């Protein structure tokens, strides 16, 4: 086999190898793009859910605030009537409402902060 023929065969093999390598590289890029696009889509969906959850917790604080106010009013009425059992009941429920008002407010802020850090 002549030297010229061997050189042409060698170059042909290199061209084919190079072409296969490019196909592999392009396939890897496609895989990365697909995975990354899917992950970004999931992240956006979860961010939206997180924001909704934060808003729902924030709205819940006003429900607890109303429960606290009403329980305090009821506690004062029960004191006027001398109904000690009711005073205790409304006092306990008011304390519970106040505790949860603070807790859900903090949870709402933490969720919002976490979502905003993404």
Protein backbone atom coordinates (compact mmCIF):
# COMPACT_ATOMS: atom_id res chain seq x y z
CA UNK A 1 0.00 0.00 0.00
CA UNK A 2 1.39 3.33 -0.99
CA UNK A 3 2.16 5.99 1.55
CA UNK A 4 -0.29 8.35 -0.10
CA UNK A 5 -3.12 5.80 0.18
CA UNK A 6 -2.34 5.16 3.87
CA UNK A 7 -2.39 8.88 4.57
CA UNK A 8 -5.77 9.26 2.85
CA UNK A 9 -7.21 6.32 4.84
CA UNK A 10 -5.83 7.76 8.09
CA UNK A 11 -7.34 11.16 7.35
CA UNK A 12 -10.66 9.53 6.49
CA UNK A 13 -10.67 7.66 9.82
CA UNK A 14 -9.89 10.89 11.68
CA UNK A 15 -12.73 12.69 9.93
CA UNK A 16 -15.15 9.91 10.86
CA UNK A 17 -13.92 9.84 14.44
CA UNK A 18 -14.20 13.60 14.65
CA UNK A 19 -17.74 13.48 13.32
CA UNK A 20 -18.74 10.81 15.86
CA UNK A 21 -17.18 12.84 18.65
CA UNK A 22 -19.18 15.89 17.61
CA UNK A 23 -22.36 13.80 17.60
CA UNK A 24 -21.61 12.61 21.14
CA UNK A 25 -20.88 16.16 22.28
CA UNK A 26 -24.08 17.46 20.70
CA UNK A 27 -26.02 14.64 22.35
CA UNK A 28 -24.59 15.60 25.74
CA UNK A 29 -25.52 19.24 25.21
CA UNK A 30 -29.08 18.22 24.33
CA UNK A 31 -29.24 16.09 27.50
CA UNK A 32 -27.98 18.96 29.66
CA UNK A 33 -30.41 21.41 28.04
CA UNK A 34 -33.37 19.07 28.56
CA UNK A 35 -32.53 18.39 32.23
CA UNK A 36 -31.88 22.07 32.96
CA UNK A 37 -35.06 23.26 31.23
CA UNK A 38 -37.09 20.67 33.16
CA UNK A 39 -35.47 21.68 36.47
CA UNK A 40 -36.13 25.38 35.79
CA UNK A 41 -39.76 24.64 35.01
CA UNK A 42 -40.16 22.71 38.28
CA UNK A 43 -38.42 25.50 40.22
CA UNK A 44 -40.76 28.15 38.81
CA UNK A 45 -43.80 26.00 39.69
CA UNK A 46 -42.52 25.43 43.25
CA UNK A 47 -41.72 29.13 43.69
CA UNK A 48 -45.30 29.94 42.72
CA UNK A 49 -46.63 27.38 45.20
CA UNK A 50 -44.31 28.74 47.90
CA UNK A 51 -45.53 32.30 47.35
CA UNK A 52 -49.13 31.14 47.57
CA UNK A 53 -48.38 29.23 50.78
CA UNK A 54 -46.70 32.30 52.27
CA UNK A 55 -49.71 34.46 51.37
CA UNK A 56 -52.12 31.91 52.84
CA UNK A 57 -50.18 31.88 56.14
CA UNK A 58 -50.09 35.68 56.13
CA UNK A 59 -53.88 35.84 55.67
CA UNK A 60 -54.27 33.35 58.51
CA UNK A 61 -52.67 35.81 60.94
CA UNK A 62 -55.66 38.13 60.60
CA UNK A 63 -58.03 35.24 61.45
CA UNK A 64 -56.05 34.57 64.61
CA UNK A 65 -56.03 38.30 65.43
CA UNK A 66 -59.84 38.44 65.16
CA UNK A 67 -60.16 35.32 67.34
CA UNK A 68 -57.86 36.94 69.91
CA UNK A 69 -59.89 40.17 69.98
CA UNK A 70 -63.21 38.36 70.30
CA UNK A 71 -61.91 36.08 73.04
CA UNK A 72 -60.70 39.10 75.02
CA UNK A 73 -64.10 40.76 74.65
CA UNK A 74 -65.81 37.56 75.75
CA UNK A 75 -63.39 37.20 78.66
CA UNK A 76 -64.27 40.74 79.86
CA UNK A 77 -68.02 40.01 79.60
CA UNK A 78 -67.53 36.77 81.53
CA UNK A 79 -65.69 38.73 84.27
CA UNK A 80 -68.60 41.15 84.52
CA UNK A 81 -70.93 38.19 84.96
CA UNK A 82 -68.65 36.53 87.49
CA UNK A 83 -68.41 33.36 85.35
CA UNK A 84 -64.91 32.26 86.35
CA UNK A 85 -64.99 29.10 84.22
CA UNK A 86 -65.77 31.16 81.12
CA UNK A 87 -63.11 33.73 82.01
CA UNK A 88 -60.55 30.93 82.09
CA UNK A 89 -61.86 29.35 78.86
CA UNK A 90 -61.85 32.60 76.87
CA UNK A 91 -58.46 33.57 78.33
CA UNK A 92 -56.92 30.27 77.27
CA UNK A 93 -58.41 30.46 73.79
CA UNK A 94 -57.22 34.05 73.43
CA UNK A 95 -53.69 33.03 74.41
CA UNK A 96 -53.80 30.21 71.88
CA UNK A 97 -54.95 32.58 69.13
CA UNK A 98 -52.19 35.07 69.98
CA UNK A 99 -49.52 32.34 69.98
CA UNK A 100 -50.60 31.01 66.58
CA UNK A 101 -50.90 34.52 65.17
CA UNK A 102 -47.22 35.07 65.95
CA UNK A 103 -46.14 31.63 64.73
CA UNK A 104 -47.90 31.72 61.36
CA UNK A 105 -46.67 35.27 60.79
CA UNK A 106 -43.07 34.13 61.30
CA UNK A 107 -43.60 31.09 59.06
CA UNK A 108 -45.03 33.31 56.32
CA UNK A 109 -41.99 35.60 56.50
CA UNK A 110 -39.53 32.70 56.44
CA UNK A 111 -41.18 31.09 53.42
CA UNK A 112 -41.23 34.42 51.57
CA UNK A 113 -37.60 35.06 52.44
CA UNK A 114 -36.56 31.60 51.27
CA UNK A 115 -38.41 31.97 47.97
CA UNK A 116 -36.92 35.42 47.38
CA UNK A 117 -33.40 34.07 47.93
CA UNK A 118 -33.74 31.72 44.94
